[in-house]
Amino acid sequence: MQQTERDLIHAIKAAFGHRRLAATTPIFESHSVEVASETIEAMARQVPWTEFPEEVLSDNPLALAFMSPAAFATFLPAYMTVSISHYCETGTLTSSLVTALTPPDAEDARRFAELAAELEAEDPTSRDDLPLDCLVDEQLLQVFHERAAELTDTERDAVRAYLEFIERAHGEDFPIFGPQQALERFWGRSAAS
């Protein structure tokens, strides 16, 4: 039986309901000008993830990518519930979330190299605008696994259910890279793995 949006949000809240950010836990491991880090840091110490303003999450879709493993595990359910309940209004939030939930692999690096070559052929100066750290990087893979290790089996099950829901409801929005890759590479395995 497929879960409804309401059922899935309830399951996410039940799985992650205990999550609280300790006062001494760092929220961000690195920063970006595209993320209102100071706003998130100030609010994170004041309200639990279940009460975190949806507008702040929607306005900062890349924030999870810069968070420490503990903060990632704390804010992940907030991002998932906003992604489900406001999919059409959240812009890049869901794709950023799916990216954060997908371990990098060699195929990603190959596709990125092809894209970079195509862009450079069209505009030789575009190479300067491309991030060089998008290639498969053991450090990125390690960060992914550190974040996943923060989650309990019940939380992993909720992440898997979220990805399955997004694939079922919106999979056509992800023709190249999306929830299916996240499920195939990691989350589709049993929670015990």
N, C-alpha and C. Protein backbone atom coordinates (compact mmCIF):
# COMPACT_ATOMS: atom_id res chain seq x y z
N MET A 1 0.84 -1.18 0.00
CA MET A 1 0.00 0.00 0.00
C MET A 1 0.89 1.25 0.00
N GLN A 2 0.61 2.16 -0.92
CA GLN A 2 1.41 3.37 -1.03
C GLN A 2 0.99 4.39 0.02
N GLN A 3 1.98 5.07 0.56
CA GLN A 3 1.71 6.08 1.57
C GLN A 3 1.20 7.36 0.92
N THR A 4 0.28 8.02 1.58
CA THR A 4 -0.16 9.34 1.15
C THR A 4 0.85 10.37 1.68
N GLU A 5 0.75 11.59 1.19
CA GLU A 5 1.63 12.66 1.70
C GLU A 5 1.49 12.79 3.21
N ARG A 6 0.27 12.80 3.67
CA ARG A 6 0.00 12.97 5.10
C ARG A 6 0.61 11.82 5.91
N ASP A 7 0.43 10.59 5.43
CA ASP A 7 0.98 9.42 6.13
C ASP A 7 2.50 9.48 6.18
N LEU A 8 3.11 9.87 5.07
CA LEU A 8 4.57 9.93 5.02
C LEU A 8 5.11 11.01 5.94
N ILE A 9 4.49 12.16 5.94
CA ILE A 9 4.93 13.23 6.85
C ILE A 9 4.80 12.77 8.30
N HIS A 10 3.71 12.10 8.61
CA HIS A 10 3.52 11.56 9.97
C HIS A 10 4.63 10.55 10.30
N ALA A 11 4.97 9.68 9.36
CA ALA A 11 6.02 8.68 9.58
C ALA A 11 7.38 9.35 9.78
N ILE A 12 7.66 10.40 9.02
CA ILE A 12 8.92 11.13 9.16
C ILE A 12 8.99 11.77 10.54
N LYS A 13 7.90 12.41 10.93
CA LYS A 13 7.87 13.06 12.25
C LYS A 13 8.03 12.03 13.37
N ALA A 14 7.42 10.86 13.21
CA ALA A 14 7.55 9.81 14.23
C ALA A 14 8.99 9.29 14.27
N ALA A 15 9.61 9.11 13.12
CA ALA A 15 10.97 8.57 13.07
C ALA A 15 12.01 9.54 13.62
N PHE A 16 11.84 10.82 13.32
CA PHE A 16 12.85 11.82 13.68
C PHE A 16 12.42 12.70 14.86
N GLY A 17 11.27 12.44 15.42
CA GLY A 17 10.72 13.32 16.45
C GLY A 17 11.64 13.60 17.62
N HIS A 18 12.49 12.66 17.94
CA HIS A 18 13.40 12.81 19.08
C HIS A 18 14.59 13.72 18.80
N ARG A 19 14.83 14.03 17.56
CA ARG A 19 16.04 14.79 17.18
C ARG A 19 16.05 16.19 17.76
N ARG A 20 17.12 16.50 18.44
CA ARG A 20 17.37 17.84 18.97
C ARG A 20 18.84 18.15 18.72
N LEU A 21 19.12 19.37 18.46
CA LEU A 21 20.49 19.79 18.22
C LEU A 21 21.10 20.25 19.54
N ALA A 22 22.16 19.60 19.95
CA ALA A 22 22.84 20.00 21.20
C ALA A 22 23.41 21.40 21.05
N ALA A 23 23.45 22.11 22.14
CA ALA A 23 23.91 23.51 22.12
C ALA A 23 25.33 23.66 21.58
N THR A 24 26.15 22.66 21.78
CA THR A 24 27.56 22.76 21.35
C THR A 24 27.81 22.14 19.96
N THR A 25 26.78 21.57 19.35
CA THR A 25 26.96 20.93 18.04
C THR A 25 27.14 21.98 16.96
N PRO A 26 28.22 21.88 16.20
CA PRO A 26 28.36 22.82 15.08
C PRO A 26 27.30 22.52 14.02
N ILE A 27 26.76 23.56 13.44
CA ILE A 27 25.72 23.37 12.42
C ILE A 27 26.35 23.24 11.04
N PHE A 28 27.26 24.12 10.72
CA PHE A 28 27.88 24.11 9.39
C PHE A 28 29.34 23.73 9.46
N GLU A 29 29.75 22.88 8.51
CA GLU A 29 31.17 22.53 8.38
C GLU A 29 31.86 23.47 7.42
N SER A 30 31.09 24.04 6.50
CA SER A 30 31.60 25.04 5.57
C SER A 30 30.45 25.98 5.25
N HIS A 31 30.74 27.05 4.57
CA HIS A 31 29.73 28.07 4.31
C HIS A 31 29.66 28.41 2.83
N SER A 32 28.53 28.97 2.44
CA SER A 32 28.30 29.42 1.08
C SER A 32 27.54 30.73 1.13
N VAL A 33 27.83 31.61 0.19
CA VAL A 33 27.09 32.87 0.13
C VAL A 33 25.63 32.63 -0.26
N GLU A 34 25.32 31.44 -0.77
CA GLU A 34 23.96 31.10 -1.17
C GLU A 34 23.12 30.58 -0.01
N VAL A 35 23.69 30.50 1.17
CA VAL A 35 22.98 29.98 2.34
C VAL A 35 23.02 31.03 3.45
N ALA A 36 21.87 31.32 4.02
CA ALA A 36 21.78 32.27 5.13
C ALA A 36 22.18 31.55 6.42
N SER A 37 23.46 31.26 6.52
CA SER A 37 24.00 30.47 7.64
C SER A 37 23.69 31.09 8.99
N GLU A 38 23.88 32.39 9.10
CA GLU A 38 23.67 33.05 10.39
C GLU A 38 22.22 32.93 10.84
N THR A 39 21.30 33.09 9.90
CA THR A 39 19.87 32.96 10.23
C THR A 39 19.56 31.56 10.70
N ILE A 40 20.05 30.57 9.96
CA ILE A 40 19.79 29.17 10.32
C ILE A 40 20.41 28.85 11.66
N GLU A 41 21.65 29.28 11.89
CA GLU A 41 22.32 29.00 13.16
C GLU A 41 21.56 29.61 14.33
N ALA A 42 21.10 30.84 14.19
CA ALA A 42 20.38 31.50 15.27
C ALA A 42 19.06 30.79 15.56
N MET A 43 18.32 30.45 14.52
CA MET A 43 17.02 29.81 14.71
C MET A 43 17.15 28.37 15.19
N ALA A 44 18.20 27.69 14.76
CA ALA A 44 18.39 26.29 15.13
C ALA A 44 18.54 26.11 16.63
N ARG A 45 19.02 27.11 17.28
CA ARG A 45 19.20 27.04 18.74
C ARG A 45 17.92 27.43 19.47
N GLN A 46 16.94 27.97 18.75
CA GLN A 46 15.72 28.46 19.39
C GLN A 46 14.52 27.53 19.23
N VAL A 47 14.43 26.84 18.09
CA VAL A 47 13.23 26.02 17.84
C VAL A 47 13.63 24.61 17.39
N PRO A 48 12.81 23.62 17.71
CA PRO A 48 13.08 22.26 17.22
C PRO A 48 12.83 22.19 15.72
N TRP A 49 13.34 21.14 15.08
CA TRP A 49 13.19 21.04 13.63
C TRP A 49 11.73 21.03 13.20
N THR A 50 10.85 20.51 14.03
CA THR A 50 9.43 20.44 13.68
C THR A 50 8.78 21.81 13.59
N GLU A 51 9.42 22.82 14.18
CA GLU A 51 8.87 24.18 14.16
C GLU A 51 9.73 25.13 13.34
N PHE A 52 10.72 24.60 12.65
CA PHE A 52 11.61 25.46 11.86
C PHE A 52 10.80 26.07 10.72
N PRO A 53 10.91 27.37 10.50
CA PRO A 53 10.08 28.03 9.48
C PRO A 53 10.32 27.47 8.07
N GLU A 54 9.22 27.08 7.43
CA GLU A 54 9.30 26.54 6.08
C GLU A 54 9.94 27.52 5.11
N GLU A 55 9.68 28.80 5.31
CA GLU A 55 10.24 29.81 4.42
C GLU A 55 11.78 29.82 4.48
N VAL A 56 12.33 29.66 5.67
CA VAL A 56 13.79 29.63 5.81
C VAL A 56 14.36 28.41 5.10
N LEU A 57 13.69 27.28 5.23
CA LEU A 57 14.14 26.07 4.55
C LEU A 57 14.05 26.24 3.04
N SER A 58 12.92 26.74 2.55
CA SER A 58 12.72 26.94 1.12
C SER A 58 13.71 27.94 0.53
N ASP A 59 14.04 28.96 1.30
CA ASP A 59 14.98 29.98 0.82
C ASP A 59 16.43 29.51 0.89
N ASN A 60 16.68 28.38 1.53
CA ASN A 60 18.05 27.86 1.70
C ASN A 60 18.13 26.39 1.31
N PRO A 61 17.82 26.08 0.05
CA PRO A 61 17.80 24.67 -0.36
C PRO A 61 19.16 23.99 -0.31
N LEU A 62 20.23 24.75 -0.35
CA LEU A 62 21.58 24.16 -0.34
C LEU A 62 22.16 23.98 1.06
N ALA A 63 21.46 24.42 2.07
CA ALA A 63 22.01 24.41 3.42
C ALA A 63 22.47 23.03 3.88
N LEU A 64 21.69 21.99 3.60
CA LEU A 64 22.06 20.64 4.04
C LEU A 64 23.44 20.23 3.54
N ALA A 65 23.80 20.68 2.35
CA ALA A 65 25.08 20.30 1.75
C ALA A 65 26.27 20.81 2.56
N PHE A 66 26.06 21.81 3.38
CA PHE A 66 27.15 22.41 4.15
C PHE A 66 27.10 22.07 5.64
N MET A 67 26.10 21.29 6.05
CA MET A 67 25.92 21.00 7.47
C MET A 67 26.80 19.86 7.97
N SER A 68 27.07 19.92 9.26
CA SER A 68 27.78 18.83 9.93
C SER A 68 26.87 17.60 9.92
N PRO A 69 27.42 16.40 10.11
CA PRO A 69 26.57 15.21 10.12
C PRO A 69 25.43 15.28 11.14
N ALA A 70 25.69 15.76 12.34
CA ALA A 70 24.63 15.84 13.36
C ALA A 70 23.55 16.84 12.96
N ALA A 71 23.94 17.98 12.45
CA ALA A 71 22.96 18.98 12.01
C ALA A 71 22.19 18.46 10.79
N PHE A 72 22.88 17.79 9.89
CA PHE A 72 22.23 17.19 8.73
C PHE A 72 21.11 16.25 9.19
N ALA A 73 21.42 15.37 10.13
CA ALA A 73 20.43 14.42 10.63
C ALA A 73 19.28 15.12 11.34
N THR A 74 19.55 16.25 11.95
CA THR A 74 18.51 17.00 12.66
C THR A 74 17.59 17.73 11.69
N PHE A 75 18.15 18.35 10.65
CA PHE A 75 17.36 19.15 9.73
C PHE A 75 16.81 18.37 8.54
N LEU A 76 17.33 17.19 8.28
CA LEU A 76 16.86 16.38 7.17
C LEU A 76 15.35 16.19 7.19
N PRO A 77 14.73 15.83 8.31
CA PRO A 77 13.28 15.63 8.29
C PRO A 77 12.50 16.91 7.99
N ALA A 78 13.01 18.04 8.42
CA ALA A 78 12.34 19.31 8.11
C ALA A 78 12.34 19.55 6.61
N TYR A 79 13.49 19.32 5.98
CA TYR A 79 13.57 19.48 4.53
C TYR A 79 12.69 18.47 3.81
N MET A 80 12.65 17.24 4.29
CA MET A 80 11.81 16.23 3.63
C MET A 80 10.33 16.60 3.72
N THR A 81 9.87 17.06 4.89
CA THR A 81 8.45 17.38 5.03
C THR A 81 8.07 18.59 4.19
N VAL A 82 8.94 19.58 4.09
CA VAL A 82 8.65 20.74 3.23
C VAL A 82 8.65 20.30 1.76
N SER A 83 9.58 19.45 1.40
CA SER A 83 9.64 18.94 0.03
C SER A 83 8.35 18.22 -0.34
N ILE A 84 7.81 17.44 0.56
CA ILE A 84 6.57 16.70 0.30
C ILE A 84 5.37 17.63 0.25
N SER A 85 5.24 18.47 1.26
CA SER A 85 4.02 19.28 1.39
C SER A 85 3.97 20.48 0.45
N HIS A 86 5.12 20.95 -0.01
CA HIS A 86 5.15 22.13 -0.88
C HIS A 86 6.03 21.90 -2.11
N TYR A 87 5.96 20.72 -2.66
CA TYR A 87 6.85 20.33 -3.77
C TYR A 87 6.89 21.39 -4.88
N CYS A 88 5.76 21.83 -5.35
CA CYS A 88 5.72 22.76 -6.49
C CYS A 88 6.18 24.17 -6.15
N GLU A 89 6.16 24.51 -4.88
CA GLU A 89 6.52 25.88 -4.49
C GLU A 89 7.95 26.03 -3.99
N THR A 90 8.69 24.94 -3.89
CA THR A 90 10.00 25.03 -3.23
C THR A 90 11.18 25.12 -4.19
N GLY A 91 10.95 25.29 -5.46
CA GLY A 91 12.05 25.46 -6.41
C GLY A 91 13.01 24.29 -6.39
N THR A 92 14.26 24.57 -6.09
CA THR A 92 15.30 23.55 -6.15
C THR A 92 15.48 22.76 -4.85
N LEU A 93 14.63 22.98 -3.88
CA LEU A 93 14.80 22.31 -2.59
C LEU A 93 14.83 20.79 -2.74
N THR A 94 13.87 20.21 -3.46
CA THR A 94 13.83 18.76 -3.57
C THR A 94 15.03 18.21 -4.32
N SER A 95 15.43 18.85 -5.40
CA SER A 95 16.60 18.35 -6.14
C SER A 95 17.87 18.48 -5.30
N SER A 96 17.99 19.54 -4.52
CA SER A 96 19.14 19.69 -3.63
C SER A 96 19.13 18.62 -2.55
N LEU A 97 17.95 18.33 -2.04
CA LEU A 97 17.80 17.30 -1.01
C LEU A 97 18.15 15.92 -1.57
N VAL A 98 17.63 15.61 -2.74
CA VAL A 98 17.93 14.32 -3.37
C VAL A 98 19.43 14.20 -3.64
N THR A 99 20.04 15.27 -4.08
CA THR A 99 21.49 15.26 -4.31
C THR A 99 22.23 14.97 -3.01
N ALA A 100 21.81 15.59 -1.91
CA ALA A 100 22.46 15.36 -0.61
C ALA A 100 22.26 13.93 -0.13
N LEU A 101 21.21 13.27 -0.63
CA LEU A 101 20.92 11.89 -0.21
C LEU A 101 21.47 10.85 -1.18
N THR A 102 22.26 11.29 -2.15
CA THR A 102 22.80 10.38 -3.15
C THR A 102 24.32 10.34 -3.05
N PRO A 103 24.89 9.17 -2.76
CA PRO A 103 26.36 9.11 -2.72
C PRO A 103 26.94 9.30 -4.12
N PRO A 104 28.04 10.05 -4.21
CA PRO A 104 28.65 10.25 -5.52
C PRO A 104 29.26 8.96 -6.05
N ASP A 105 29.36 8.86 -7.37
CA ASP A 105 30.02 7.70 -7.95
C ASP A 105 30.74 8.10 -9.23
N ALA A 106 31.46 7.17 -9.82
CA ALA A 106 32.28 7.44 -11.00
C ALA A 106 31.43 7.89 -12.19
N GLU A 107 30.21 7.38 -12.31
CA GLU A 107 29.33 7.79 -13.42
C GLU A 107 29.01 9.27 -13.34
N ASP A 108 28.79 9.78 -12.13
CA ASP A 108 28.55 11.22 -11.97
C ASP A 108 29.76 12.01 -12.46
N ALA A 109 30.95 11.57 -12.10
CA ALA A 109 32.17 12.26 -12.52
C ALA A 109 32.31 12.24 -14.04
N ARG A 110 31.99 11.10 -14.65
CA ARG A 110 32.08 10.99 -16.11
C ARG A 110 31.10 11.95 -16.78
N ARG A 111 29.86 11.98 -16.29
CA ARG A 111 28.86 12.88 -16.87
C ARG A 111 29.25 14.34 -16.68
N PHE A 112 29.78 14.66 -15.51
CA PHE A 112 30.22 16.03 -15.27
C PHE A 112 31.35 16.41 -16.21
N ALA A 113 32.30 15.51 -16.43
CA ALA A 113 33.41 15.78 -17.35
C ALA A 113 32.90 16.00 -18.76
N GLU A 114 31.91 15.21 -19.19
CA GLU A 114 31.32 15.40 -20.52
C GLU A 114 30.63 16.75 -20.63
N LEU A 115 29.87 17.11 -19.59
CA LEU A 115 29.19 18.40 -19.58
C LEU A 115 30.19 19.54 -19.61
N ALA A 116 31.24 19.43 -18.82
CA ALA A 116 32.27 20.47 -18.79
C ALA A 116 32.92 20.63 -20.17
N ALA A 117 33.20 19.52 -20.84
CA ALA A 117 33.80 19.57 -22.19
C ALA A 117 32.85 20.22 -23.18
N GLU A 118 31.56 19.89 -23.11
CA GLU A 118 30.57 20.50 -24.00
C GLU A 118 30.48 22.00 -23.76
N LEU A 119 30.43 22.40 -22.50
CA LEU A 119 30.35 23.82 -22.18
C LEU A 119 31.60 24.57 -22.62
N GLU A 120 32.74 23.94 -22.43
CA GLU A 120 33.99 24.57 -22.83
C GLU A 120 34.09 24.71 -24.34
N ALA A 121 33.56 23.73 -25.08
CA ALA A 121 33.56 23.81 -26.55
C ALA A 121 32.69 24.97 -27.03
N GLU A 122 31.58 25.22 -26.34
CA GLU A 122 30.70 26.32 -26.69
C GLU A 122 31.27 27.66 -26.26
N ASP A 123 31.90 27.67 -25.10
CA ASP A 123 32.45 28.91 -24.54
C ASP A 123 33.69 28.58 -23.73
N PRO A 124 34.88 28.79 -24.32
CA PRO A 124 36.13 28.43 -23.62
C PRO A 124 36.29 29.06 -22.24
N THR A 125 35.64 30.18 -22.01
CA THR A 125 35.79 30.83 -20.69
C THR A 125 34.89 30.18 -19.64
N SER A 126 33.95 29.32 -20.06
CA SER A 126 33.03 28.70 -19.09
C SER A 126 33.75 27.79 -18.11
N ARG A 127 34.89 27.27 -18.49
CA ARG A 127 35.65 26.36 -17.61
C ARG A 127 35.98 27.04 -16.28
N ASP A 128 36.18 28.36 -16.34
CA ASP A 128 36.49 29.10 -15.12
C ASP A 128 35.32 29.14 -14.15
N ASP A 129 34.09 28.97 -14.67
CA ASP A 129 32.90 29.04 -13.84
C ASP A 129 32.48 27.69 -13.25
N LEU A 130 33.12 26.61 -13.68
CA LEU A 130 32.73 25.28 -13.23
C LEU A 130 33.48 24.91 -11.94
N PRO A 131 32.75 24.33 -11.00
CA PRO A 131 33.42 23.87 -9.78
C PRO A 131 34.28 22.65 -10.10
N LEU A 132 35.51 22.69 -9.68
CA LEU A 132 36.43 21.59 -9.97
C LEU A 132 36.27 20.44 -8.99
N ASP A 133 35.55 20.67 -7.89
CA ASP A 133 35.40 19.62 -6.89
C ASP A 133 34.18 18.74 -7.11
N CYS A 134 33.60 18.77 -8.31
CA CYS A 134 32.43 17.94 -8.59
C CYS A 134 32.80 16.55 -9.08
N LEU A 135 34.07 16.31 -9.22
CA LEU A 135 34.49 14.98 -9.63
C LEU A 135 34.37 14.03 -8.45
N VAL A 136 34.37 12.73 -8.72
CA VAL A 136 34.24 11.77 -7.62
C VAL A 136 35.39 12.04 -6.65
N ASP A 137 35.02 12.20 -5.47
CA ASP A 137 35.97 12.58 -4.44
C ASP A 137 35.71 11.69 -3.24
N GLU A 138 36.74 11.03 -2.80
CA GLU A 138 36.59 10.15 -1.64
C GLU A 138 36.12 10.94 -0.42
N GLN A 139 36.51 12.19 -0.34
CA GLN A 139 36.08 13.01 0.79
C GLN A 139 34.56 13.24 0.76
N LEU A 140 33.99 13.49 -0.44
CA LEU A 140 32.54 13.65 -0.55
C LEU A 140 31.81 12.37 -0.18
N LEU A 141 32.36 11.25 -0.60
CA LEU A 141 31.77 9.96 -0.26
C LEU A 141 31.84 9.72 1.25
N GLN A 142 32.96 10.09 1.85
CA GLN A 142 33.11 9.95 3.29
C GLN A 142 32.09 10.82 4.04
N VAL A 143 31.89 12.05 3.57
CA VAL A 143 30.91 12.94 4.20
C VAL A 143 29.52 12.33 4.11
N PHE A 144 29.17 11.78 2.93
CA PHE A 144 27.88 11.13 2.78
C PHE A 144 27.71 10.02 3.82
N HIS A 145 28.71 9.16 3.93
CA HIS A 145 28.61 8.03 4.86
C HIS A 145 28.59 8.49 6.33
N GLU A 146 29.29 9.55 6.66
CA GLU A 146 29.24 10.09 8.03
C GLU A 146 27.83 10.59 8.35
N ARG A 147 27.20 11.23 7.38
CA ARG A 147 25.83 11.72 7.59
C ARG A 147 24.86 10.56 7.73
N ALA A 148 24.98 9.57 6.86
CA ALA A 148 24.08 8.41 6.91
C ALA A 148 24.27 7.65 8.22
N ALA A 149 25.49 7.61 8.72
CA ALA A 149 25.77 6.88 9.97
C ALA A 149 25.10 7.54 11.17
N GLU A 150 24.78 8.81 11.07
CA GLU A 150 24.09 9.52 12.16
C GLU A 150 22.65 9.05 12.34
N LEU A 151 22.11 8.41 11.31
CA LEU A 151 20.69 8.05 11.31
C LEU A 151 20.45 6.67 11.92
N THR A 152 19.35 6.55 12.61
CA THR A 152 18.93 5.25 13.13
C THR A 152 18.31 4.44 12.00
N ASP A 153 18.09 3.16 12.24
CA ASP A 153 17.43 2.33 11.23
C ASP A 153 16.03 2.87 10.90
N THR A 154 15.31 3.32 11.90
CA THR A 154 13.97 3.87 11.68
C THR A 154 14.04 5.14 10.83
N GLU A 155 15.02 5.97 11.09
CA GLU A 155 15.19 7.19 10.29
C GLU A 155 15.58 6.84 8.85
N ARG A 156 16.45 5.85 8.68
CA ARG A 156 16.81 5.41 7.33
C ARG A 156 15.59 4.89 6.58
N ASP A 157 14.73 4.17 7.28
CA ASP A 157 13.50 3.69 6.65
C ASP A 157 12.64 4.87 6.19
N ALA A 158 12.59 5.92 7.00
CA ALA A 158 11.81 7.12 6.63
C ALA A 158 12.42 7.80 5.41
N VAL A 159 13.75 7.86 5.34
CA VAL A 159 14.42 8.45 4.17
C VAL A 159 14.09 7.62 2.93
N ARG A 160 14.18 6.31 3.06
CA ARG A 160 13.85 5.43 1.92
C ARG A 160 12.41 5.67 1.47
N ALA A 161 11.48 5.74 2.41
CA ALA A 161 10.07 5.98 2.07
C ALA A 161 9.90 7.33 1.38
N TYR A 162 10.63 8.34 1.85
CA TYR A 162 10.59 9.66 1.21
C TYR A 162 11.06 9.57 -0.25
N LEU A 163 12.21 8.94 -0.46
CA LEU A 163 12.75 8.83 -1.82
C LEU A 163 11.82 8.02 -2.73
N GLU A 164 11.23 6.96 -2.19
CA GLU A 164 10.28 6.17 -2.98
C GLU A 164 9.05 7.01 -3.34
N PHE A 165 8.59 7.83 -2.40
CA PHE A 165 7.45 8.69 -2.66
C PHE A 165 7.79 9.72 -3.74
N ILE A 166 8.93 10.38 -3.62
CA ILE A 166 9.32 11.38 -4.61
C ILE A 166 9.48 10.74 -5.98
N GLU A 167 10.06 9.55 -6.03
CA GLU A 167 10.21 8.85 -7.31
C GLU A 167 8.84 8.52 -7.91
N ARG A 168 7.95 8.03 -7.09
CA ARG A 168 6.62 7.66 -7.56
C ARG A 168 5.80 8.88 -7.99
N ALA A 169 5.83 9.93 -7.19
CA ALA A 169 5.00 11.11 -7.44
C ALA A 169 5.60 12.09 -8.43
N HIS A 170 6.94 12.16 -8.48
CA HIS A 170 7.58 13.21 -9.28
C HIS A 170 8.79 12.71 -10.07
N GLY A 171 8.93 11.41 -10.22
CA GLY A 171 10.09 10.84 -10.89
C GLY A 171 10.36 11.42 -12.26
N GLU A 172 9.29 11.80 -12.99
CA GLU A 172 9.48 12.37 -14.32
C GLU A 172 10.20 13.72 -14.29
N ASP A 173 10.23 14.35 -13.13
CA ASP A 173 10.96 15.62 -12.99
C ASP A 173 12.47 15.41 -12.89
N PHE A 174 12.90 14.16 -12.79
CA PHE A 174 14.31 13.81 -12.61
C PHE A 174 14.74 12.82 -13.69
N PRO A 175 14.82 13.26 -14.95
CA PRO A 175 15.11 12.30 -16.04
C PRO A 175 16.52 11.74 -16.03
N ILE A 176 17.48 12.46 -15.45
CA ILE A 176 18.87 12.01 -15.48
C ILE A 176 19.37 11.59 -14.11
N PHE A 177 19.10 12.38 -13.12
CA PHE A 177 19.64 12.15 -11.79
C PHE A 177 18.56 12.48 -10.78
N GLY A 178 18.18 11.51 -9.96
CA GLY A 178 17.12 11.78 -9.01
C GLY A 178 17.00 10.74 -7.93
N PRO A 179 15.80 10.59 -7.38
CA PRO A 179 15.60 9.68 -6.26
C PRO A 179 15.92 8.22 -6.60
N GLN A 180 15.73 7.84 -7.85
CA GLN A 180 16.02 6.46 -8.23
C GLN A 180 17.50 6.13 -8.01
N GLN A 181 18.38 7.07 -8.36
CA GLN A 181 19.82 6.85 -8.15
C GLN A 181 20.15 6.76 -6.66
N ALA A 182 19.51 7.60 -5.86
CA ALA A 182 19.74 7.54 -4.41
C ALA A 182 19.31 6.18 -3.85
N LEU A 183 18.17 5.70 -4.32
CA LEU A 183 17.68 4.40 -3.87
C LEU A 183 18.60 3.27 -4.33
N GLU A 184 19.02 3.32 -5.57
CA GLU A 184 19.88 2.26 -6.11
C GLU A 184 21.25 2.23 -5.45
N ARG A 185 21.80 3.41 -5.18
CA ARG A 185 23.16 3.48 -4.64
C ARG A 185 23.25 3.23 -3.15
N PHE A 186 22.18 3.53 -2.41
CA PHE A 186 22.31 3.39 -0.96
C PHE A 186 21.01 3.07 -0.24
N TRP A 187 19.99 3.89 -0.36
CA TRP A 187 18.81 3.82 0.49
C TRP A 187 17.88 2.64 0.18
N GLY A 188 17.99 2.05 -0.98
CA GLY A 188 17.14 0.92 -1.32
C GLY A 188 17.53 -0.35 -0.61
N ARG A 189 18.71 -0.35 -0.02
CA ARG A 189 19.17 -1.51 0.75
C ARG A 189 18.39 -1.57 2.06
N SER A 190 18.49 -2.70 2.71
CA SER A 190 17.80 -2.82 4.00
C SER A 190 18.43 -1.86 5.00
N ALA A 191 17.65 -1.43 5.96
CA ALA A 191 18.12 -0.47 6.96
C ALA A 191 19.30 -1.01 7.76
N ALA A 192 19.44 -2.29 7.83
CA ALA A 192 20.54 -2.89 8.60
C ALA A 192 21.87 -2.79 7.89
N SER A 193 21.87 -2.49 6.56
CA SER A 193 23.15 -2.44 5.85
C SER A 193 23.94 -1.21 6.13
